[in-house]
Amino acid sequence: MPVADLTPELALLIGAVGIVLGAAFMSHSRQGWLAGAALVALAIALGAVAVQWPAASSLTFSGVWILDAPASLAKLIILVSGMLAVAMSPEWMRSDPRHGEYYALCLFALLGAIVMAAAGDSMELLLGVLLSSAASYPLVAYHRGFAPALEAGMKYFLIGALANALLCVGVVMLFGLVGDTDYRVLSAFLAQSDRLALSVAMGCVILGLAFKLAAFPAHAWMPDVAQAAPAPVAAMLSVAPKVGAALALARLVALLPGEQGLLWLVAMVSAITMTLGNLAALRQSDVRRLLGWSSVSQSGYALMAVAVIERAGDAVTALLTFLAAYALANLTAFAVITHLRGRTDLDDYRGLARTQPLAAAVLIVAMLSLVGIPPLVGFFGKFLLFEATLEADHAWLAVIAVLNTLVSLYYYLRVAAVMTFSRPPGGVSVLGHHSRFAMLAGGLGLVASSLLIEFLMRPAGATMLAFPS
């Protein structure tokens, strides 16, 4: 048992257990220090990922755990996202009597996302999905006295229960078809298996992972969670599970025979998801709910790379680049919302450029990056997606994505116009330095990382999704 291969995961696990024990014995006034403990655990995990960066793809723990560059990059995105979300939290959660346990649940949710990204076995994938879901449900409804949060938590739980049940059915059917849960064995037998049974099994798995991606048809929880969950929780859950699930789905799709119709199913889900998310966002007068529907549409863009993972050489690069750009932009937008004490109605943002110019500027930059305006980092993510899709002869999907991008420009610019050209109704109350730090870090990252994104992502994506023996 090469335990050292799991150093990042063990750092999160030990950190979460330590935080639970600390919260049990510390007074409420001191539980804010546990945010520092969570950041230390995340920093250790981040350092471990950097130290063990694989020179070549390999498998460990009898083939259930993948060590490769795509998994390492996904872990980096997830861990950095977790650090920013935790950095937003102390002032937001200060008055909650269960302040300490909150950070343990965050670490468990991030651990589940990492397990999804590195799973080399369908049972390991199931473990990651269930761990991420079980830790996320209470986070959404953490403010028990806030009725919309309870409603969002219940919707998240019910949709998750159905989607996770379908995922379990799919995994069991795959085991029945193949007699094993190892991805390498699945890859060898899928081309010879019964086409109908394979389609049903993989369809159930795709639907199960669509829940973690907030993609059609398991997307309905995301707008409610974005609107009603604690703002740092909404920031984390709109990013971290999506990264893990996208890479996990890409690995599974890469196993399918080239002529398998399920690749077209993924492409159709991509088109429907981005279109549904953008059209629904047009009607929103609530900024957090707008970002929730935006997150749904961004899942559709990510699925473009998954749909062409076998036919485009740079599909993995495009997927990882886009996920990194989206994560940074979305976390930055939610950092601004957290800094503004979670204000959510569009009218609350009137004249924000005059009363809080820095917050308004950072939010506008984050939204322009979500659209994909150059030279921001979001442009490079979408450019690589379009390039990979065209290379795979899916021009129809690229055209739909371009049209959806134009649609999204309207509702993002509507928020910017309200902040810039409207008269402010009065003063704006904000949180302190923790949320300001996260907001500034995200804003600077959106500008500076565009200079490094190609250098960091292309060598890692070039490894593809190999399954070595």
Protein backbone atom coordinates (compact mmCIF):
# COMPACT_ATOMS: atom_id res chain seq x y z
CA MET A 1 0.00 0.00 0.00
CA PRO A 2 1.97 3.05 -1.26
CA VAL A 3 0.41 5.48 1.21
CA ALA A 4 2.67 8.31 0.02
CA ASP A 5 0.72 8.35 -3.26
CA LEU A 6 -2.28 9.59 -1.30
CA THR A 7 -0.53 12.37 0.62
CA PRO A 8 -2.82 15.16 -0.69
CA GLU A 9 -5.96 13.19 0.12
CA LEU A 10 -4.66 12.18 3.55
CA ALA A 11 -3.84 15.81 4.33
CA LEU A 12 -7.48 16.75 3.72
CA LEU A 13 -8.80 13.75 5.63
CA ILE A 14 -6.58 14.28 8.68
CA GLY A 15 -7.26 18.01 8.59
CA ALA A 16 -11.02 17.44 8.57
CA VAL A 17 -10.88 14.98 11.47
CA GLY A 18 -8.64 17.35 13.44
CA ILE A 19 -11.07 20.22 12.86
CA VAL A 20 -14.03 18.13 14.07
CA LEU A 21 -12.15 17.26 17.26
CA GLY A 22 -11.04 20.86 17.74
CA ALA A 23 -14.57 22.19 17.29
CA ALA A 24 -15.81 19.76 19.94
CA PHE A 25 -13.52 21.21 22.62
CA MET A 26 -13.00 24.84 21.60
CA SER A 27 -15.23 27.69 22.67
CA HIS A 28 -17.29 29.36 19.97
CA SER A 29 -15.26 32.56 20.18
CA ARG A 30 -12.11 30.67 19.14
CA GLN A 31 -13.55 28.47 16.41
CA GLY A 32 -12.62 31.02 13.77
CA TRP A 33 -9.06 29.76 14.18
CA LEU A 34 -10.19 26.50 12.57
CA ALA A 35 -10.35 28.35 9.25
CA GLY A 36 -6.58 28.68 9.57
CA ALA A 37 -6.34 24.94 10.23
CA ALA A 38 -8.36 24.24 7.07
CA LEU A 39 -6.09 26.54 5.05
CA VAL A 40 -3.02 24.76 6.45
CA ALA A 41 -4.46 21.36 5.44
CA LEU A 42 -5.23 22.68 1.95
CA ALA A 43 -1.75 24.20 1.63
CA ILE A 44 -0.13 20.89 2.64
CA ALA A 45 -2.27 19.04 0.10
CA LEU A 46 -1.37 21.62 -2.55
CA GLY A 47 2.33 21.23 -1.82
CA ALA A 48 2.04 17.45 -1.93
CA VAL A 49 0.41 17.60 -5.37
CA ALA A 50 3.25 19.80 -6.63
CA VAL A 51 5.93 17.53 -5.15
CA GLN A 52 4.50 14.29 -6.50
CA TRP A 53 3.73 15.71 -9.97
CA PRO A 54 3.96 12.60 -12.18
CA ALA A 55 6.51 12.41 -14.94
CA ALA A 56 4.33 9.79 -16.63
CA SER A 57 0.88 8.32 -16.10
CA SER A 58 0.72 5.51 -13.55
CA LEU A 59 -1.75 3.56 -11.45
CA THR A 60 -1.54 2.78 -7.76
CA PHE A 61 -3.50 0.84 -5.13
CA SER A 62 -4.17 -2.09 -7.46
CA GLY A 63 -5.21 0.17 -10.31
CA VAL A 64 -8.02 2.10 -8.59
CA TRP A 65 -6.08 5.37 -8.30
CA ILE A 66 -4.67 7.31 -11.27
CA LEU A 67 -1.57 9.46 -10.97
CA ASP A 68 -1.24 11.59 -14.10
CA ALA A 69 -0.92 15.23 -15.10
CA PRO A 70 -4.66 15.82 -15.75
CA ALA A 71 -5.52 14.48 -12.28
CA SER A 72 -2.82 16.63 -10.69
CA LEU A 73 -4.05 19.74 -12.48
CA ALA A 74 -7.63 19.02 -11.46
CA LYS A 75 -6.46 18.64 -7.85
CA LEU A 76 -4.68 22.00 -8.05
CA ILE A 77 -7.84 23.70 -9.34
CA ILE A 78 -9.98 22.07 -6.66
CA LEU A 79 -7.58 22.87 -3.82
CA VAL A 80 -7.05 26.50 -4.85
CA SER A 81 -10.83 26.86 -5.18
CA GLY A 82 -11.22 25.46 -1.70
CA MET A 83 -8.64 27.86 -0.29
CA LEU A 84 -10.43 30.86 -1.76
CA ALA A 85 -13.81 29.64 -0.49
CA VAL A 86 -12.43 29.04 3.02
CA ALA A 87 -10.76 32.47 2.97
CA MET A 88 -14.18 34.04 2.36
CA SER A 89 -15.83 32.19 5.22
CA PRO A 90 -14.64 33.40 8.70
CA GLU A 91 -16.53 36.69 8.74
CA TRP A 92 -19.57 35.20 7.03
CA MET A 93 -19.83 32.28 9.49
CA ARG A 94 -18.68 34.08 12.67
CA SER A 95 -22.10 34.19 14.34
CA ASP A 96 -23.03 30.59 13.51
CA PRO A 97 -22.91 28.35 16.60
CA ARG A 98 -21.48 25.49 14.46
CA HIS A 99 -18.73 27.58 12.96
CA GLY A 100 -15.96 25.02 13.46
CA GLU A 101 -17.61 21.96 11.89
CA TYR A 102 -18.27 23.98 8.75
CA TYR A 103 -14.60 23.80 7.73
CA ALA A 104 -14.49 20.04 8.19
CA LEU A 105 -17.45 19.63 5.84
CA CYS A 106 -15.69 21.85 3.30
CA LEU A 107 -12.60 19.62 3.39
CA PHE A 108 -14.70 16.46 3.02
CA ALA A 109 -16.52 17.96 0.01
CA LEU A 110 -13.20 18.88 -1.61
CA LEU A 111 -11.83 15.41 -0.86
CA GLY A 112 -14.78 13.86 -2.70
CA ALA A 113 -14.10 16.06 -5.72
CA ILE A 114 -10.44 15.00 -5.75
CA VAL A 115 -11.42 11.33 -5.56
CA MET A 116 -13.64 11.77 -8.62
CA ALA A 117 -10.81 13.35 -10.60
CA ALA A 118 -8.29 10.60 -9.80
CA ALA A 119 -10.58 7.56 -9.85
CA GLY A 120 -9.38 4.66 -12.02
CA ASP A 121 -12.19 2.34 -10.95
CA SER A 122 -15.95 2.78 -11.12
CA MET A 123 -16.38 1.94 -7.42
CA GLU A 124 -13.77 4.56 -6.56
CA LEU A 125 -15.72 7.04 -8.70
CA LEU A 126 -18.90 6.17 -6.83
CA LEU A 127 -17.13 6.70 -3.51
CA GLY A 128 -15.99 10.18 -4.59
CA VAL A 129 -19.46 11.22 -5.79
CA LEU A 130 -21.14 10.03 -2.61
CA LEU A 131 -18.55 11.63 -0.32
CA SER A 132 -18.82 14.95 -2.14
CA SER A 133 -22.63 14.80 -2.03
CA ALA A 134 -22.94 13.78 1.61
CA ALA A 135 -20.68 16.62 2.73
CA SER A 136 -22.36 19.19 0.46
CA TYR A 137 -25.98 18.66 1.52
CA PRO A 138 -25.56 20.08 5.05
CA LEU A 139 -23.33 22.90 3.77
CA VAL A 140 -26.13 24.22 1.56
CA ALA A 141 -28.64 24.30 4.44
CA TYR A 142 -26.09 25.38 7.05
CA HIS A 143 -28.13 28.46 7.99
CA ARG A 144 -31.06 26.50 9.40
CA GLY A 145 -33.04 29.60 10.29
CA PHE A 146 -33.11 30.80 6.66
CA ALA A 147 -36.06 29.19 4.84
CA PRO A 148 -34.66 29.58 1.27
CA ALA A 149 -31.47 27.77 2.35
CA LEU A 150 -33.53 24.86 3.70
CA GLU A 151 -35.49 24.73 0.45
CA ALA A 152 -32.29 24.77 -1.61
CA GLY A 153 -30.77 22.06 0.57
CA MET A 154 -33.84 19.85 0.18
CA LYS A 155 -33.93 20.30 -3.60
CA TYR A 156 -30.21 19.55 -3.77
CA PHE A 157 -30.69 16.43 -1.66
CA LEU A 158 -33.68 15.06 -3.60
CA ILE A 159 -32.11 15.59 -7.02
CA GLY A 160 -28.85 14.14 -5.69
CA ALA A 161 -30.62 11.07 -4.30
CA LEU A 162 -32.15 10.28 -7.69
CA ALA A 163 -28.97 11.03 -9.66
CA ASN A 164 -26.74 9.06 -7.30
CA ALA A 165 -29.16 6.11 -7.46
CA LEU A 166 -28.90 6.15 -11.26
CA LEU A 167 -25.12 6.30 -10.97
CA CYS A 168 -25.16 3.23 -8.70
CA VAL A 169 -27.39 1.39 -11.18
CA GLY A 170 -25.02 2.24 -14.02
CA VAL A 171 -21.94 1.10 -12.10
CA VAL A 172 -23.62 -2.18 -11.14
CA MET A 173 -24.69 -2.80 -14.75
CA LEU A 174 -21.15 -2.17 -15.96
CA PHE A 175 -19.87 -4.65 -13.40
CA GLY A 176 -22.45 -7.17 -14.62
CA LEU A 177 -21.39 -6.68 -18.23
CA VAL A 178 -17.66 -6.88 -17.61
CA GLY A 179 -17.20 -8.70 -14.32
CA ASP A 180 -14.84 -6.00 -13.04
CA THR A 181 -14.90 -2.33 -12.06
CA ASP A 182 -11.35 -1.45 -13.19
CA TYR A 183 -11.30 1.08 -16.03
CA ARG A 184 -8.60 -0.90 -17.89
CA VAL A 185 -10.79 -4.00 -17.92
CA LEU A 186 -13.80 -1.92 -18.93
CA SER A 187 -11.84 -0.47 -21.84
CA ALA A 188 -10.93 -3.94 -23.12
CA PHE A 189 -14.48 -5.32 -22.94
CA LEU A 190 -16.74 -2.41 -23.83
CA ALA A 191 -16.25 -2.83 -27.58
CA GLN A 192 -17.43 -6.47 -27.30
CA SER A 193 -20.36 -5.92 -24.93
CA ASP A 194 -24.04 -5.83 -25.74
CA ARG A 195 -24.72 -2.39 -27.27
CA LEU A 196 -28.14 -1.87 -25.66
CA ALA A 197 -27.00 -2.88 -22.18
CA LEU A 198 -23.87 -0.76 -22.53
CA SER A 199 -25.89 2.26 -23.63
CA VAL A 200 -28.24 1.94 -20.66
CA ALA A 201 -25.38 1.48 -18.19
CA MET A 202 -23.28 4.35 -19.50
CA GLY A 203 -26.37 6.54 -19.85
CA CYS A 204 -27.07 6.06 -16.13
CA VAL A 205 -23.46 6.92 -15.28
CA ILE A 206 -23.57 10.04 -17.45
CA LEU A 207 -26.80 11.17 -15.77
CA GLY A 208 -25.27 10.56 -12.36
CA LEU A 209 -22.23 12.68 -13.16
CA ALA A 210 -24.45 15.34 -14.76
CA PHE A 211 -25.73 16.04 -11.24
CA LYS A 212 -22.26 16.96 -9.98
CA LEU A 213 -21.69 18.99 -13.14
CA ALA A 214 -25.03 20.81 -12.74
CA ALA A 215 -25.77 19.80 -16.34
CA PHE A 216 -29.11 18.94 -17.95
CA PRO A 217 -31.25 17.13 -16.82
CA ALA A 218 -29.91 17.19 -13.22
CA HIS A 219 -29.21 20.92 -13.12
CA ALA A 220 -32.19 22.38 -11.25
CA TRP A 221 -30.42 22.52 -7.88
CA MET A 222 -27.70 24.94 -8.95
CA PRO A 223 -29.69 28.23 -9.19
CA ASP A 224 -31.29 27.62 -5.78
CA VAL A 225 -27.97 26.76 -4.16
CA ALA A 226 -26.28 29.80 -5.71
CA GLN A 227 -29.07 32.05 -4.43
CA ALA A 228 -29.74 30.70 -0.92
CA ALA A 229 -26.69 28.79 0.36
CA PRO A 230 -24.00 30.67 2.30
CA ALA A 231 -22.12 32.64 -0.36
CA PRO A 232 -18.74 30.88 0.24
CA VAL A 233 -20.51 27.51 -0.01
CA ALA A 234 -22.19 28.52 -3.27
CA ALA A 235 -18.80 29.58 -4.60
CA MET A 236 -17.18 26.25 -3.74
CA LEU A 237 -20.05 24.00 -4.89
CA SER A 238 -20.31 25.79 -8.24
CA VAL A 239 -16.67 24.95 -8.96
CA ALA A 240 -15.01 22.04 -7.11
CA PRO A 241 -17.50 19.19 -7.83
CA LYS A 242 -17.74 20.36 -11.44
CA VAL A 243 -13.97 20.00 -11.96
CA GLY A 244 -13.85 16.49 -10.49
CA ALA A 245 -16.96 15.29 -12.33
CA ALA A 246 -15.87 16.73 -15.69
CA LEU A 247 -12.53 14.90 -15.63
CA ALA A 248 -14.19 11.70 -14.36
CA LEU A 249 -16.71 11.82 -17.19
CA ALA A 250 -13.94 12.51 -19.71
CA ARG A 251 -12.10 9.39 -18.52
CA LEU A 252 -15.23 7.26 -18.93
CA VAL A 253 -16.10 8.67 -22.34
CA ALA A 254 -12.51 7.98 -23.47
CA LEU A 255 -13.20 4.27 -22.80
CA LEU A 256 -16.13 4.09 -25.21
CA PRO A 257 -15.80 2.65 -28.71
CA GLY A 258 -15.42 5.39 -31.31
CA GLU A 259 -18.71 4.60 -33.03
CA GLN A 260 -20.69 4.50 -29.81
CA GLY A 261 -23.77 6.76 -30.00
CA LEU A 262 -23.27 7.91 -26.42
CA LEU A 263 -20.67 10.40 -27.64
CA TRP A 264 -23.49 12.14 -29.47
CA LEU A 265 -25.55 12.00 -26.28
CA VAL A 266 -22.82 13.95 -24.47
CA ALA A 267 -22.71 16.49 -27.31
CA MET A 268 -26.50 16.95 -27.18
CA VAL A 269 -26.42 17.35 -23.39
CA SER A 270 -23.71 19.97 -23.88
CA ALA A 271 -25.81 21.97 -26.35
CA ILE A 272 -29.00 21.74 -24.28
CA THR A 273 -27.22 22.64 -21.04
CA MET A 274 -25.51 25.77 -22.33
CA THR A 275 -28.66 26.95 -24.12
CA LEU A 276 -30.96 26.31 -21.17
CA GLY A 277 -28.59 28.00 -18.72
CA ASN A 278 -28.16 31.13 -20.82
CA LEU A 279 -31.84 31.53 -21.70
CA ALA A 280 -32.85 31.13 -18.05
CA ALA A 281 -30.20 33.65 -16.94
CA LEU A 282 -31.73 36.28 -19.24
CA ARG A 283 -34.82 36.47 -17.02
CA GLN A 284 -33.05 36.81 -13.68
CA SER A 285 -33.17 39.93 -11.52
CA ASP A 286 -31.21 38.22 -8.74
CA VAL A 287 -27.44 38.35 -9.21
CA ARG A 288 -26.67 35.16 -7.28
CA ARG A 289 -29.38 33.23 -9.13
CA LEU A 290 -28.05 34.66 -12.39
CA LEU A 291 -24.61 33.27 -11.51
CA GLY A 292 -26.27 29.93 -10.75
CA TRP A 293 -27.78 29.70 -14.22
CA SER A 294 -24.49 30.94 -15.63
CA SER A 295 -22.81 28.01 -13.88
CA VAL A 296 -25.24 25.65 -15.60
CA SER A 297 -24.35 27.14 -18.99
CA GLN A 298 -20.62 26.86 -18.23
CA SER A 299 -21.10 23.12 -17.65
CA GLY A 300 -22.42 22.91 -21.19
CA TYR A 301 -19.24 24.51 -22.50
CA ALA A 302 -17.09 22.06 -20.50
CA LEU A 303 -19.02 19.12 -21.96
CA MET A 304 -17.93 20.24 -25.44
CA ALA A 305 -14.42 19.01 -24.66
CA VAL A 306 -15.77 15.78 -23.15
CA ALA A 307 -17.82 15.05 -26.27
CA VAL A 308 -14.73 15.22 -28.52
CA ILE A 309 -12.23 13.74 -26.07
CA GLU A 310 -11.31 10.93 -28.46
CA ARG A 311 -11.29 12.88 -31.71
CA ALA A 312 -9.39 16.06 -30.77
CA GLY A 313 -5.79 15.89 -29.62
CA ASP A 314 -6.07 19.01 -27.45
CA ALA A 315 -9.44 18.17 -25.87
CA VAL A 316 -7.92 17.48 -22.43
CA THR A 317 -5.95 20.73 -22.61
CA ALA A 318 -9.11 22.62 -23.57
CA LEU A 319 -11.10 21.03 -20.74
CA LEU A 320 -8.51 21.76 -18.04
CA THR A 321 -7.87 25.30 -19.28
CA PHE A 322 -11.54 26.11 -19.40
CA LEU A 323 -12.18 24.65 -15.94
CA ALA A 324 -9.30 26.65 -14.45
CA ALA A 325 -10.51 29.88 -16.08
CA TYR A 326 -14.12 29.29 -15.07
CA ALA A 327 -13.18 28.41 -11.49
CA LEU A 328 -11.17 31.58 -11.03
CA ALA A 329 -13.83 33.85 -12.57
CA ASN A 330 -16.76 32.31 -10.69
CA LEU A 331 -14.95 32.32 -7.35
CA THR A 332 -14.01 35.96 -7.89
CA ALA A 333 -17.62 36.91 -8.59
CA PHE A 334 -18.79 35.16 -5.43
CA ALA A 335 -15.95 36.76 -3.46
CA VAL A 336 -17.40 40.16 -4.41
CA ILE A 337 -20.88 39.01 -3.37
CA THR A 338 -19.48 37.76 -0.06
CA HIS A 339 -17.70 41.07 0.47
CA LEU A 340 -21.03 42.84 -0.09
CA ARG A 341 -22.65 40.70 2.65
CA GLY A 342 -24.41 38.43 0.18
CA ARG A 343 -26.66 41.10 -1.34
CA THR A 344 -28.42 39.43 -4.18
CA ASP A 345 -31.16 41.61 -5.74
CA LEU A 346 -30.05 43.46 -8.87
CA ASP A 347 -31.43 46.71 -7.45
CA ASP A 348 -28.93 46.42 -4.59
CA TYR A 349 -26.14 46.83 -7.14
CA ARG A 350 -27.32 50.17 -8.49
CA GLY A 351 -24.50 52.68 -8.56
CA LEU A 352 -22.05 50.26 -6.95
CA ALA A 353 -19.27 51.68 -9.14
CA ARG A 354 -19.60 54.93 -7.19
CA THR A 355 -19.97 53.57 -3.66
CA GLN A 356 -17.65 50.51 -3.96
CA PRO A 357 -15.57 51.08 -7.11
CA LEU A 358 -13.07 48.29 -6.42
CA ALA A 359 -15.77 45.65 -5.83
CA ALA A 360 -17.66 46.79 -8.94
CA ALA A 361 -14.52 46.67 -11.08
CA VAL A 362 -13.58 43.18 -9.89
CA LEU A 363 -17.13 41.87 -10.49
CA ILE A 364 -17.18 43.32 -14.02
CA VAL A 365 -13.80 41.74 -14.80
CA ALA A 366 -15.03 38.37 -13.46
CA MET A 367 -18.17 38.50 -15.61
CA LEU A 368 -16.25 39.52 -18.72
CA SER A 369 -13.95 36.55 -18.13
CA LEU A 370 -17.00 34.26 -17.87
CA VAL A 371 -18.11 35.57 -21.28
CA GLY A 372 -14.63 35.01 -22.73
CA ILE A 373 -13.50 38.54 -23.54
CA PRO A 374 -9.76 38.87 -24.38
CA PRO A 375 -7.24 39.29 -22.86
CA LEU A 376 -8.85 37.78 -19.74
CA VAL A 377 -8.20 34.16 -18.88
CA GLY A 378 -11.73 33.07 -19.83
CA PHE A 379 -10.98 33.89 -23.47
CA PHE A 380 -8.21 31.30 -23.66
CA GLY A 381 -10.44 28.63 -22.12
CA LYS A 382 -13.24 29.14 -24.63
CA PHE A 383 -10.87 29.58 -27.55
CA LEU A 384 -9.32 26.16 -26.90
CA LEU A 385 -12.78 24.62 -26.53
CA PHE A 386 -13.86 25.96 -29.92
CA GLU A 387 -10.56 24.86 -31.47
CA ALA A 388 -10.90 21.29 -30.18
CA THR A 389 -14.56 21.08 -31.22
CA LEU A 390 -13.82 22.23 -34.77
CA GLU A 391 -10.89 19.80 -34.99
CA ALA A 392 -13.31 16.96 -34.18
CA ASP A 393 -15.70 18.05 -36.99
CA HIS A 394 -18.38 19.20 -34.53
CA ALA A 395 -18.83 22.60 -36.15
CA TRP A 396 -22.55 22.59 -35.27
CA LEU A 397 -21.68 22.42 -31.57
CA ALA A 398 -19.15 25.24 -31.90
CA VAL A 399 -21.76 27.41 -33.64
CA ILE A 400 -24.26 26.79 -30.82
CA ALA A 401 -21.57 27.70 -28.29
CA VAL A 402 -20.74 30.95 -30.10
CA LEU A 403 -24.42 31.94 -30.23
CA ASN A 404 -24.78 31.15 -26.52
CA THR A 405 -21.73 33.25 -25.76
CA LEU A 406 -23.34 36.22 -27.50
CA VAL A 407 -26.53 35.67 -25.48
CA SER A 408 -24.58 35.54 -22.22
CA LEU A 409 -22.95 38.86 -23.02
CA TYR A 410 -26.34 40.57 -22.58
CA TYR A 411 -27.09 39.50 -19.03
CA TYR A 412 -23.54 40.03 -17.79
CA LEU A 413 -23.43 43.52 -19.28
CA ARG A 414 -26.85 44.26 -17.78
CA VAL A 415 -25.34 43.82 -14.31
CA ALA A 416 -22.36 45.97 -15.29
CA ALA A 417 -24.67 48.69 -16.61
CA VAL A 418 -26.70 48.77 -13.39
CA MET A 419 -23.54 49.13 -11.34
CA THR A 420 -22.04 51.78 -13.58
CA PHE A 421 -24.86 54.01 -14.85
CA SER A 422 -27.53 53.87 -12.13
CA ARG A 423 -27.78 56.21 -9.18
CA PRO A 424 -26.79 54.55 -5.85
CA PRO A 425 -29.68 54.28 -3.34
CA GLY A 426 -27.35 54.83 -0.36
CA GLY A 427 -24.30 53.48 1.45
CA VAL A 428 -23.21 49.86 1.12
CA SER A 429 -22.24 47.70 4.10
CA VAL A 430 -19.37 45.29 3.48
CA LEU A 431 -17.48 42.56 5.30
CA GLY A 432 -13.87 42.94 6.45
CA HIS A 433 -10.43 42.03 5.19
CA HIS A 434 -10.90 38.27 4.63
CA SER A 435 -13.46 38.69 1.85
CA ARG A 436 -11.55 41.67 0.44
CA PHE A 437 -8.40 39.54 0.19
CA ALA A 438 -10.24 36.76 -1.68
CA MET A 439 -11.82 39.32 -4.00
CA LEU A 440 -8.51 40.99 -4.84
CA ALA A 441 -6.68 37.68 -5.25
CA GLY A 442 -9.30 36.48 -7.73
CA GLY A 443 -9.33 39.75 -9.66
CA LEU A 444 -5.56 39.83 -10.01
CA GLY A 445 -5.56 36.16 -11.00
CA LEU A 446 -8.04 36.78 -13.83
CA VAL A 447 -5.63 39.26 -15.40
CA ALA A 448 -2.25 37.73 -14.56
CA SER A 449 -3.06 34.06 -15.18
CA SER A 450 -3.93 34.72 -18.82
CA LEU A 451 -0.20 35.14 -19.39
CA LEU A 452 0.57 31.69 -17.96
CA ILE A 453 -2.43 29.55 -18.85
CA GLU A 454 -1.05 28.15 -22.12
CA PHE A 455 2.34 27.40 -20.57
CA LEU A 456 0.84 25.51 -17.65
CA MET A 457 -1.99 23.60 -19.31
CA ARG A 458 -0.79 22.42 -22.72
CA PRO A 459 2.04 20.13 -21.51
CA ALA A 460 -0.28 18.49 -18.98
CA GLY A 461 -3.15 18.04 -21.39
CA ALA A 462 -0.86 16.53 -23.99
CA THR A 463 -0.59 13.37 -21.87
CA MET A 464 -4.23 12.56 -22.80
CA LEU A 465 -6.16 10.13 -20.61
CA ALA A 466 -4.02 7.02 -20.86
CA PHE A 467 -4.62 3.98 -18.66
CA PRO A 468 -1.19 2.38 -18.16
CA SER A 469 -0.79 -1.13 -16.91
